[in-house]
Amino acid sequence: MPYEIRITPRAARDIEKLPRPVQDSVLDKLEELGIDPRPPGCQKVKGLEQYDVFRLRVAGSYRIVYQVRDEAAWVLALKVADRKEIYRRLDDLRRLLEPPLPRNH
């Protein structure tokens, strides 16, 4: 089942600021996340693991930080930036995140 791709206003602004070839690579990678939200190379973001937040390398040194919601079948792009900048103010992303659903045991 394909996942819906959602992009926060912050991530949309991030993408608009990137050079055109990087923008194209990011948009292609987001489209691929709709098919496989956890592709090879993605990693959980430390400190945000409970929210199912991942990072994925794209176009060399750029990263996409995104949240996956399997039960709702969507991927939410939270932030896109160079790896040097992506982890600054990462805690601010918590307010954008959907809280984790309780897991039935």
PDB file of N, CA and C in Angstrom:
ATOM      1  N   MET A   1       0.849  -1.177   0.000  1.00  0.00           N
ATOM      2  CA  MET A   1       0.000   0.000   0.000  1.00  0.00           C
ATOM      3  C   MET A   1       0.893   1.238   0.000  1.00  0.00           C
ATOM      4  N   PRO A   2       0.685   2.154  -0.935  1.00  0.00           N
ATOM      5  CA  PRO A   2       1.516   3.364  -0.959  1.00  0.00           C
ATOM      6  C   PRO A   2       1.183   4.292   0.211  1.00  0.00           C
ATOM      7  N   TYR A   3       2.195   5.009   0.643  1.00  0.00           N
ATOM      8  CA  TYR A   3       2.044   5.963   1.726  1.00  0.00           C
ATOM      9  C   TYR A   3       1.832   7.359   1.133  1.00  0.00           C
ATOM     10  N   GLU A   4       0.971   8.131   1.774  1.00  0.00           N
ATOM     11  CA  GLU A   4       0.774   9.524   1.385  1.00  0.00           C
ATOM     12  C   GLU A   4       1.986  10.328   1.864  1.00  0.00           C
ATOM     13  N   ILE A   5       2.484  11.219   1.038  1.00  0.00           N
ATOM     14  CA  ILE A   5       3.606  12.078   1.409  1.00  0.00           C
ATOM     15  C   ILE A   5       3.051  13.425   1.855  1.00  0.00           C
ATOM     16  N   ARG A   6       3.403  13.812   3.075  1.00  0.00           N
ATOM     17  CA  ARG A   6       3.027  15.118   3.608  1.00  0.00           C
ATOM     18  C   ARG A   6       4.302  15.902   3.873  1.00  0.00           C
ATOM     19  N   ILE A   7       4.234  17.200   3.666  1.00  0.00           N
ATOM     20  CA  ILE A   7       5.411  18.048   3.861  1.00  0.00           C
ATOM     21  C   ILE A   7       5.012  19.221   4.753  1.00  0.00           C
ATOM     22  N   THR A   8       5.725  19.402   5.844  1.00  0.00           N
ATOM     23  CA  THR A   8       5.440  20.535   6.722  1.00  0.00           C
ATOM     24  C   THR A   8       5.811  21.835   6.019  1.00  0.00           C
ATOM     25  N   PRO A   9       5.211  22.956   6.427  1.00  0.00           N
ATOM     26  CA  PRO A   9       5.611  24.243   5.843  1.00  0.00           C
ATOM     27  C   PRO A   9       7.111  24.496   6.014  1.00  0.00           C
ATOM     28  N   ARG A  10       7.660  24.087   7.140  1.00  0.00           N
ATOM     29  CA  ARG A  10       9.103  24.258   7.374  1.00  0.00           C
ATOM     30  C   ARG A  10       9.917  23.491   6.332  1.00  0.00           C
ATOM     31  N   ALA A  11       9.554  22.226   6.099  1.00  0.00           N
ATOM     32  CA  ALA A  11      10.284  21.418   5.117  1.00  0.00           C
ATOM     33  C   ALA A  11      10.108  21.985   3.707  1.00  0.00           C
ATOM     34  N   ALA A  12       8.929  22.498   3.395  1.00  0.00           N
ATOM     35  CA  ALA A  12       8.694  23.092   2.075  1.00  0.00           C
ATOM     36  C   ALA A  12       9.613  24.305   1.870  1.00  0.00           C
ATOM     37  N   ARG A  13       9.755  25.137   2.909  1.00  0.00           N
ATOM     38  CA  ARG A  13      10.672  26.282   2.817  1.00  0.00           C
ATOM     39  C   ARG A  13      12.113  25.810   2.663  1.00  0.00           C
ATOM     40  N   ASP A  14      12.462  24.761   3.427  1.00  0.00           N
ATOM     41  CA  ASP A  14      13.817  24.204   3.318  1.00  0.00           C
ATOM     42  C   ASP A  14      14.108  23.770   1.885  1.00  0.00           C
ATOM     43  N   ILE A  15      13.164  23.082   1.276  1.00  0.00           N
ATOM     44  CA  ILE A  15      13.346  22.574  -0.089  1.00  0.00           C
ATOM     45  C   ILE A  15      13.482  23.728  -1.077  1.00  0.00           C
ATOM     46  N   GLU A  16      12.659  24.760  -0.925  1.00  0.00           N
ATOM     47  CA  GLU A  16      12.707  25.904  -1.841  1.00  0.00           C
ATOM     48  C   GLU A  16      14.063  26.609  -1.822  1.00  0.00           C
ATOM     49  N   LYS A  17      14.759  26.567  -0.694  1.00  0.00           N
ATOM     50  CA  LYS A  17      16.047  27.247  -0.551  1.00  0.00           C
ATOM     51  C   LYS A  17      17.211  26.464  -1.156  1.00  0.00           C
ATOM     52  N   LEU A  18      16.990  25.200  -1.474  1.00  0.00           N
ATOM     53  CA  LEU A  18      18.069  24.349  -1.983  1.00  0.00           C
ATOM     54  C   LEU A  18      18.362  24.639  -3.454  1.00  0.00           C
ATOM     55  N   PRO A  19      19.584  24.334  -3.895  1.00  0.00           N
ATOM     56  CA  PRO A  19      19.877  24.439  -5.334  1.00  0.00           C
ATOM     57  C   PRO A  19      18.955  23.500  -6.126  1.00  0.00           C
ATOM     58  N   ARG A  20      18.623  23.872  -7.339  1.00  0.00           N
ATOM     59  CA  ARG A  20      17.659  23.125  -8.154  1.00  0.00           C
ATOM     60  C   ARG A  20      17.976  21.625  -8.276  1.00  0.00           C
ATOM     61  N   PRO A  21      19.230  21.222  -8.539  1.00  0.00           N
ATOM     62  CA  PRO A  21      19.495  19.777  -8.636  1.00  0.00           C
ATOM     63  C   PRO A  21      19.228  19.044  -7.319  1.00  0.00           C
ATOM     64  N   VAL A  22      19.498  19.695  -6.208  1.00  0.00           N
ATOM     65  CA  VAL A  22      19.244  19.079  -4.903  1.00  0.00           C
ATOM     66  C   VAL A  22      17.742  19.005  -4.653  1.00  0.00           C
ATOM     67  N   GLN A  23      17.017  20.057  -5.028  1.00  0.00           N
ATOM     68  CA  GLN A  23      15.551  20.032  -4.906  1.00  0.00           C
ATOM     69  C   GLN A  23      14.980  18.823  -5.644  1.00  0.00           C
ATOM     70  N   ASP A  24      15.446  18.622  -6.880  1.00  0.00           N
ATOM     71  CA  ASP A  24      14.945  17.496  -7.682  1.00  0.00           C
ATOM     72  C   ASP A  24      15.243  16.167  -7.005  1.00  0.00           C
ATOM     73  N   SER A  25      16.448  16.029  -6.453  1.00  0.00           N
ATOM     74  CA  SER A  25      16.819  14.786  -5.763  1.00  0.00           C
ATOM     75  C   SER A  25      15.957  14.568  -4.527  1.00  0.00           C
ATOM     76  N   VAL A  26      15.699  15.630  -3.778  1.00  0.00           N
ATOM     77  CA  VAL A  26      14.870  15.527  -2.570  1.00  0.00           C
ATOM     78  C   VAL A  26      13.446  15.113  -2.945  1.00  0.00           C
ATOM     79  N   LEU A  27      12.883  15.750  -3.950  1.00  0.00           N
ATOM     80  CA  LEU A  27      11.514  15.422  -4.358  1.00  0.00           C
ATOM     81  C   LEU A  27      11.421  13.993  -4.882  1.00  0.00           C
ATOM     82  N   ASP A  28      12.431  13.545  -5.618  1.00  0.00           N
ATOM     83  CA  ASP A  28      12.451  12.151  -6.076  1.00  0.00           C
ATOM     84  C   ASP A  28      12.504  11.196  -4.889  1.00  0.00           C
ATOM     85  N   LYS A  29      13.342  11.514  -3.898  1.00  0.00           N
ATOM     86  CA  LYS A  29      13.487  10.649  -2.729  1.00  0.00           C
ATOM     87  C   LYS A  29      12.191  10.621  -1.918  1.00  0.00           C
ATOM     88  N   LEU A  30      11.502  11.762  -1.799  1.00  0.00           N
ATOM     89  CA  LEU A  30      10.224  11.789  -1.094  1.00  0.00           C
ATOM     90  C   LEU A  30       9.197  10.903  -1.802  1.00  0.00           C
ATOM     91  N   GLU A  31       9.210  10.942  -3.118  1.00  0.00           N
ATOM     92  CA  GLU A  31       8.298  10.089  -3.881  1.00  0.00           C
ATOM     93  C   GLU A  31       8.600   8.610  -3.612  1.00  0.00           C
ATOM     94  N   GLU A  32       9.876   8.264  -3.529  1.00  0.00           N
ATOM     95  CA  GLU A  32      10.269   6.887  -3.234  1.00  0.00           C
ATOM     96  C   GLU A  32       9.841   6.477  -1.826  1.00  0.00           C
ATOM     97  N   LEU A  33       9.854   7.430  -0.883  1.00  0.00           N
ATOM     98  CA  LEU A  33       9.422   7.118   0.480  1.00  0.00           C
ATOM     99  C   LEU A  33       7.946   6.730   0.521  1.00  0.00           C
ATOM    100  N   GLY A  34       7.177   7.186  -0.446  1.00  0.00           N
ATOM    101  CA  GLY A  34       5.774   6.783  -0.530  1.00  0.00           C
ATOM    102  C   GLY A  34       5.614   5.305  -0.834  1.00  0.00           C
ATOM    103  N   ILE A  35       6.627   4.721  -1.445  1.00  0.00           N
ATOM    104  CA  ILE A  35       6.598   3.298  -1.770  1.00  0.00           C
ATOM    105  C   ILE A  35       7.251   2.483  -0.657  1.00  0.00           C
ATOM    106  N   ASP A  36       8.398   2.966  -0.171  1.00  0.00           N
ATOM    107  CA  ASP A  36       9.122   2.283   0.906  1.00  0.00           C
ATOM    108  C   ASP A  36       9.576   3.324   1.920  1.00  0.00           C
ATOM    109  N   PRO A  37       8.834   3.505   3.029  1.00  0.00           N
ATOM    110  CA  PRO A  37       9.170   4.557   3.985  1.00  0.00           C
ATOM    111  C   PRO A  37      10.422   4.274   4.828  1.00  0.00           C
ATOM    112  N   ARG A  38      10.942   3.079   4.729  1.00  0.00           N
ATOM    113  CA  ARG A  38      12.166   2.726   5.468  1.00  0.00           C
ATOM    114  C   ARG A  38      13.169   2.065   4.518  1.00  0.00           C
ATOM    115  N   PRO A  39      13.671   2.841   3.554  1.00  0.00           N
ATOM    116  CA  PRO A  39      14.582   2.262   2.571  1.00  0.00           C
ATOM    117  C   PRO A  39      15.942   1.958   3.182  1.00  0.00           C
ATOM    118  N   PRO A  40      16.763   1.161   2.496  1.00  0.00           N
ATOM    119  CA  PRO A  40      18.126   0.933   2.984  1.00  0.00           C
ATOM    120  C   PRO A  40      18.838   2.278   3.156  1.00  0.00           C
ATOM    121  N   GLY A  41      19.531   2.418   4.265  1.00  0.00           N
ATOM    122  CA  GLY A  41      20.259   3.653   4.539  1.00  0.00           C
ATOM    123  C   GLY A  41      19.540   4.609   5.467  1.00  0.00           C
ATOM    124  N   CYS A  42      18.250   4.414   5.685  1.00  0.00           N
ATOM    125  CA  CYS A  42      17.559   5.298   6.625  1.00  0.00           C
ATOM    126  C   CYS A  42      17.922   4.881   8.048  1.00  0.00           C
ATOM    127  N   GLN A  43      17.925   5.845   8.941  1.00  0.00           N
ATOM    128  CA  GLN A  43      18.253   5.568  10.345  1.00  0.00           C
ATOM    129  C   GLN A  43      17.311   6.347  11.238  1.00  0.00           C
ATOM    130  N   LYS A  44      16.972   5.758  12.389  1.00  0.00           N
ATOM    131  CA  LYS A  44      16.157   6.476  13.367  1.00  0.00           C
ATOM    132  C   LYS A  44      16.963   7.639  13.920  1.00  0.00           C
ATOM    133  N   VAL A  45      16.284   8.753  14.184  1.00  0.00           N
ATOM    134  CA  VAL A  45      16.944   9.928  14.747  1.00  0.00           C
ATOM    135  C   VAL A  45      17.011   9.767  16.262  1.00  0.00           C
ATOM    136  N   LYS A  46      18.216   9.845  16.788  1.00  0.00           N
ATOM    137  CA  LYS A  46      18.411   9.693  18.233  1.00  0.00           C
ATOM    138  C   LYS A  46      17.655  10.785  18.968  1.00  0.00           C
ATOM    139  N   GLY A  47      16.969  10.384  20.023  1.00  0.00           N
ATOM    140  CA  GLY A  47      16.179  11.313  20.809  1.00  0.00           C
ATOM    141  C   GLY A  47      14.740  11.422  20.352  1.00  0.00           C
ATOM    142  N   LEU A  48      14.452  10.954  19.140  1.00  0.00           N
ATOM    143  CA  LEU A  48      13.088  11.014  18.609  1.00  0.00           C
ATOM    144  C   LEU A  48      12.597   9.639  18.183  1.00  0.00           C
ATOM    145  N   GLU A  49      13.260   8.601  18.676  1.00  0.00           N
ATOM    146  CA  GLU A  49      12.920   7.239  18.269  1.00  0.00           C
ATOM    147  C   GLU A  49      11.466   6.882  18.569  1.00  0.00           C
ATOM    148  N   GLN A  50      10.950   7.357  19.706  1.00  0.00           N
ATOM    149  CA  GLN A  50       9.582   6.993  20.095  1.00  0.00           C
ATOM    150  C   GLN A  50       8.536   7.569  19.148  1.00  0.00           C
ATOM    151  N   TYR A  51       8.931   8.537  18.318  1.00  0.00           N
ATOM    152  CA  TYR A  51       8.006   9.141  17.354  1.00  0.00           C
ATOM    153  C   TYR A  51       8.128   8.535  15.955  1.00  0.00           C
ATOM    154  N   ASP A  52       8.958   7.509  15.800  1.00  0.00           N
ATOM    155  CA  ASP A  52       9.208   6.917  14.478  1.00  0.00           C
ATOM    156  C   ASP A  52       9.730   7.961  13.492  1.00  0.00           C
ATOM    157  N   VAL A  53      10.758   8.702  13.925  1.00  0.00           N
ATOM    158  CA  VAL A  53      11.382   9.723  13.092  1.00  0.00           C
ATOM    159  C   VAL A  53      12.688   9.162  12.541  1.00  0.00           C
ATOM    160  N   PHE A  54      12.864   9.316  11.232  1.00  0.00           N
ATOM    161  CA  PHE A  54      14.025   8.784  10.533  1.00  0.00           C
ATOM    162  C   PHE A  54      14.763   9.900   9.810  1.00  0.00           C
ATOM    163  N   ARG A  55      16.000   9.601   9.444  1.00  0.00           N
ATOM    164  CA  ARG A  55      16.771  10.493   8.587  1.00  0.00           C
ATOM    165  C   ARG A  55      17.233   9.690   7.389  1.00  0.00           C
ATOM    166  N   LEU A  56      17.368  10.383   6.272  1.00  0.00           N
ATOM    167  CA  LEU A  56      17.781   9.727   5.049  1.00  0.00           C
ATOM    168  C   LEU A  56      18.704  10.659   4.282  1.00  0.00           C
ATOM    169  N   ARG A  57      19.824  10.128   3.857  1.00  0.00           N
ATOM    170  CA  ARG A  57      20.794  10.902   3.082  1.00  0.00           C
ATOM    171  C   ARG A  57      20.290  11.063   1.658  1.00  0.00           C
ATOM    172  N   VAL A  58      20.500  12.254   1.128  1.00  0.00           N
ATOM    173  CA  VAL A  58      20.096  12.536  -0.246  1.00  0.00           C
ATOM    174  C   VAL A  58      21.052  13.579  -0.825  1.00  0.00           C
ATOM    175  N   ALA A  59      21.389  13.439  -2.077  1.00  0.00           N
ATOM    176  CA  ALA A  59      22.223  14.411  -2.792  1.00  0.00           C
ATOM    177  C   ALA A  59      23.493  14.769  -2.035  1.00  0.00           C
ATOM    178  N   GLY A  60      24.258  13.772  -1.679  1.00  0.00           N
ATOM    179  CA  GLY A  60      25.540  14.008  -1.014  1.00  0.00           C
ATOM    180  C   GLY A  60      25.400  14.274   0.463  1.00  0.00           C
ATOM    181  N   SER A  61      25.489  15.540   0.851  1.00  0.00           N
ATOM    182  CA  SER A  61      25.515  15.851   2.279  1.00  0.00           C
ATOM    183  C   SER A  61      24.175  16.329   2.827  1.00  0.00           C
ATOM    184  N   TYR A  62      23.108  16.229   2.071  1.00  0.00           N
ATOM    185  CA  TYR A  62      21.797  16.670   2.544  1.00  0.00           C
ATOM    186  C   TYR A  62      21.048  15.518   3.206  1.00  0.00           C
ATOM    187  N   ARG A  63      20.143  15.884   4.125  1.00  0.00           N
ATOM    188  CA  ARG A  63      19.350  14.895   4.844  1.00  0.00           C
ATOM    189  C   ARG A  63      17.886  15.309   4.832  1.00  0.00           C
ATOM    190  N   ILE A  64      17.030  14.295   4.799  1.00  0.00           N
ATOM    191  CA  ILE A  64      15.595  14.488   5.008  1.00  0.00           C
ATOM    192  C   ILE A  64      15.290  13.873   6.366  1.00  0.00           C
ATOM    193  N   VAL A  65      14.622  14.626   7.237  1.00  0.00           N
ATOM    194  CA  VAL A  65      14.153  14.095   8.514  1.00  0.00           C
ATOM    195  C   VAL A  65      12.640  13.954   8.364  1.00  0.00           C
ATOM    196  N   TYR A  66      12.124  12.756   8.649  1.00  0.00           N
ATOM    197  CA  TYR A  66      10.704  12.500   8.414  1.00  0.00           C
ATOM    198  C   TYR A  66      10.138  11.530   9.435  1.00  0.00           C
ATOM    199  N   GLN A  67       8.827  11.601   9.598  1.00  0.00           N
ATOM    200  CA  GLN A  67       8.103  10.716  10.507  1.00  0.00           C
ATOM    201  C   GLN A  67       7.260   9.754   9.680  1.00  0.00           C
ATOM    202  N   VAL A  68       7.174   8.515  10.139  1.00  0.00           N
ATOM    203  CA  VAL A  68       6.362   7.496   9.460  1.00  0.00           C
ATOM    204  C   VAL A  68       5.202   7.106  10.362  1.00  0.00           C
ATOM    205  N   ARG A  69       4.006   7.054   9.790  1.00  0.00           N
ATOM    206  CA  ARG A  69       2.826   6.559  10.489  1.00  0.00           C
ATOM    207  C   ARG A  69       2.246   5.408   9.676  1.00  0.00           C
ATOM    208  N   ASP A  70       2.596   4.186  10.086  1.00  0.00           N
ATOM    209  CA  ASP A  70       2.135   3.014   9.342  1.00  0.00           C
ATOM    210  C   ASP A  70       0.624   2.842   9.401  1.00  0.00           C
ATOM    211  N   GLU A  71       0.030   3.062  10.584  1.00  0.00           N
ATOM    212  CA  GLU A  71      -1.415   2.818  10.731  1.00  0.00           C
ATOM    213  C   GLU A  71      -2.248   3.788   9.900  1.00  0.00           C
ATOM    214  N   ALA A  72      -1.722   4.972   9.617  1.00  0.00           N
ATOM    215  CA  ALA A  72      -2.426   5.950   8.792  1.00  0.00           C
ATOM    216  C   ALA A  72      -1.876   5.997   7.367  1.00  0.00           C
ATOM    217  N   ALA A  73      -0.795   5.286   7.118  1.00  0.00           N
ATOM    218  CA  ALA A  73      -0.148   5.196   5.801  1.00  0.00           C
ATOM    219  C   ALA A  73       0.282   6.554   5.266  1.00  0.00           C
ATOM    220  N   TRP A  74       1.037   7.291   6.104  1.00  0.00           N
ATOM    221  CA  TRP A  74       1.623   8.529   5.621  1.00  0.00           C
ATOM    222  C   TRP A  74       3.039   8.716   6.123  1.00  0.00           C
ATOM    223  N   VAL A  75       3.776   9.545   5.361  1.00  0.00           N
ATOM    224  CA  VAL A  75       5.135   9.955   5.686  1.00  0.00           C
ATOM    225  C   VAL A  75       5.112  11.475   5.745  1.00  0.00           C
ATOM    226  N   LEU A  76       5.622  12.043   6.857  1.00  0.00           N
ATOM    227  CA  LEU A  76       5.627  13.491   7.038  1.00  0.00           C
ATOM    228  C   LEU A  76       7.061  13.998   6.999  1.00  0.00           C
ATOM    229  N   ALA A  77       7.405  14.772   5.949  1.00  0.00           N
ATOM    230  CA  ALA A  77       8.724  15.392   5.857  1.00  0.00           C
ATOM    231  C   ALA A  77       8.753  16.561   6.832  1.00  0.00           C
ATOM    232  N   LEU A  78       9.703  16.521   7.766  1.00  0.00           N
ATOM    233  CA  LEU A  78       9.791  17.531   8.817  1.00  0.00           C
ATOM    234  C   LEU A  78      10.822  18.611   8.527  1.00  0.00           C
ATOM    235  N   LYS A  79      11.958  18.194   7.985  1.00  0.00           N
ATOM    236  CA  LYS A  79      13.064  19.122   7.783  1.00  0.00           C
ATOM    237  C   LYS A  79      13.967  18.579   6.688  1.00  0.00           C
ATOM    238  N   VAL A  80      14.531  19.473   5.881  1.00  0.00           N
ATOM    239  CA  VAL A  80      15.480  19.110   4.833  1.00  0.00           C
ATOM    240  C   VAL A  80      16.607  20.127   4.890  1.00  0.00           C
ATOM    241  N   ALA A  81      17.838  19.650   5.057  1.00  0.00           N
ATOM    242  CA  ALA A  81      18.973  20.572   5.147  1.00  0.00           C
ATOM    243  C   ALA A  81      20.277  19.809   4.984  1.00  0.00           C
ATOM    244  N   ASP A  82      21.350  20.574   4.887  1.00  0.00           N
ATOM    245  CA  ASP A  82      22.694  20.006   4.881  1.00  0.00           C
ATOM    246  C   ASP A  82      22.934  19.320   6.219  1.00  0.00           C
ATOM    247  N   ARG A  83      23.728  18.277   6.212  1.00  0.00           N
ATOM    248  CA  ARG A  83      23.957  17.505   7.434  1.00  0.00           C
ATOM    249  C   ARG A  83      24.531  18.351   8.563  1.00  0.00           C
ATOM    250  N   LYS A  84      25.237  19.427   8.227  1.00  0.00           N
ATOM    251  CA  LYS A  84      25.806  20.305   9.251  1.00  0.00           C
ATOM    252  C   LYS A  84      24.722  21.067  10.001  1.00  0.00           C
ATOM    253  N   GLU A  85      23.585  21.282   9.341  1.00  0.00           N
ATOM    254  CA  GLU A  85      22.518  22.093   9.920  1.00  0.00           C
ATOM    255  C   GLU A  85      21.309  21.287  10.375  1.00  0.00           C
ATOM    256  N   ILE A  86      21.187  20.068   9.912  1.00  0.00           N
ATOM    257  CA  ILE A  86      19.942  19.316  10.116  1.00  0.00           C
ATOM    258  C   ILE A  86      19.637  19.043  11.589  1.00  0.00           C
ATOM    259  N   TYR A  87      20.663  18.894  12.411  1.00  0.00           N
ATOM    260  CA  TYR A  87      20.432  18.512  13.797  1.00  0.00           C
ATOM    261  C   TYR A  87      20.320  19.708  14.733  1.00  0.00           C
ATOM    262  N   ARG A  88      20.551  20.920  14.223  1.00  0.00           N
ATOM    263  CA  ARG A  88      20.339  22.108  15.043  1.00  0.00           C
ATOM    264  C   ARG A  88      18.853  22.280  15.284  1.00  0.00           C
ATOM    265  N   ARG A  89      18.515  22.565  16.514  1.00  0.00           N
ATOM    266  CA  ARG A  89      17.124  22.812  16.897  1.00  0.00           C
ATOM    267  C   ARG A  89      16.213  21.624  16.585  1.00  0.00           C
ATOM    268  N   LEU A  90      16.766  20.435  16.628  1.00  0.00           N
ATOM    269  CA  LEU A  90      15.967  19.236  16.365  1.00  0.00           C
ATOM    270  C   LEU A  90      14.871  19.073  17.410  1.00  0.00           C
ATOM    271  N   ASP A  91      15.148  19.520  18.636  1.00  0.00           N
ATOM    272  CA  ASP A  91      14.132  19.421  19.679  1.00  0.00           C
ATOM    273  C   ASP A  91      12.880  20.224  19.341  1.00  0.00           C
ATOM    274  N   ASP A  92      13.028  21.291  18.533  1.00  0.00           N
ATOM    275  CA  ASP A  92      11.869  22.081  18.130  1.00  0.00           C
ATOM    276  C   ASP A  92      10.899  21.263  17.276  1.00  0.00           C
ATOM    277  N   LEU A  93      11.388  20.194  16.683  1.00  0.00           N
ATOM    278  CA  LEU A  93      10.525  19.363  15.839  1.00  0.00           C
ATOM    279  C   LEU A  93       9.479  18.614  16.655  1.00  0.00           C
ATOM    280  N   ARG A  94       9.745  18.400  17.920  1.00  0.00           N
ATOM    281  CA  ARG A  94       8.809  17.632  18.750  1.00  0.00           C
ATOM    282  C   ARG A  94       7.395  18.194  18.699  1.00  0.00           C
ATOM    283  N   ARG A  95       7.261  19.514  18.596  1.00  0.00           N
ATOM    284  CA  ARG A  95       5.923  20.111  18.572  1.00  0.00           C
ATOM    285  C   ARG A  95       5.165  19.785  17.285  1.00  0.00           C
ATOM    286  N   LEU A  96       5.887  19.399  16.233  1.00  0.00           N
ATOM    287  CA  LEU A  96       5.257  19.051  14.960  1.00  0.00           C
ATOM    288  C   LEU A  96       4.861  17.581  14.882  1.00  0.00           C
ATOM    289  N   LEU A  97       5.386  16.795  15.803  1.00  0.00           N
ATOM    290  CA  LEU A  97       5.230  15.354  15.699  1.00  0.00           C
ATOM    291  C   LEU A  97       3.912  14.867  16.270  1.00  0.00           C
ATOM    292  N   GLU A  98       3.389  13.869  15.628  1.00  0.00           N
ATOM    293  CA  GLU A  98       2.237  13.164  16.140  1.00  0.00           C
ATOM    294  C   GLU A  98       2.711  12.306  17.302  1.00  0.00           C
ATOM    295  N   PRO A  99       2.049  12.348  18.448  1.00  0.00           N
ATOM    296  CA  PRO A  99       2.481  11.486  19.553  1.00  0.00           C
ATOM    297  C   PRO A  99       2.310  10.020  19.171  1.00  0.00           C
ATOM    298  N   PRO A 100       3.177   9.176  19.705  1.00  0.00           N
ATOM    299  CA  PRO A 100       3.053   7.754  19.379  1.00  0.00           C
ATOM    300  C   PRO A 100       1.757   7.176  19.920  1.00  0.00           C
ATOM    301  N   LEU A 101       1.195   6.260  19.181  1.00  0.00           N
ATOM    302  CA  LEU A 101      -0.018   5.576  19.627  1.00  0.00           C
ATOM    303  C   LEU A 101       0.364   4.534  20.660  1.00  0.00           C
ATOM    304  N   PRO A 102      -0.525   4.303  21.639  1.00  0.00           N
ATOM    305  CA  PRO A 102      -0.224   3.233  22.604  1.00  0.00           C
ATOM    306  C   PRO A 102      -0.185   1.892  21.885  1.00  0.00           C
ATOM    307  N   ARG A 103       0.768   1.090  22.262  1.00  0.00           N
ATOM    308  CA  ARG A 103       0.903  -0.226  21.626  1.00  0.00           C
ATOM    309  C   ARG A 103       0.145  -1.257  22.447  1.00  0.00           C
ATOM    310  N   ASN A 104      -0.631  -2.068  21.742  1.00  0.00           N
ATOM    311  CA  ASN A 104      -1.371  -3.151  22.405  1.00  0.00           C
ATOM    312  C   ASN A 104      -0.449  -4.337  22.584  1.00  0.00           C
ATOM    313  N   HIS A 105      -0.414  -4.856  23.772  1.00  0.00           N
ATOM    314  CA  HIS A 105       0.474  -6.001  24.043  1.00  0.00           C
ATOM    315  C   HIS A 105      -0.291  -7.286  23.981  1.00  0.00           C
TER     316      HIS A 105
END
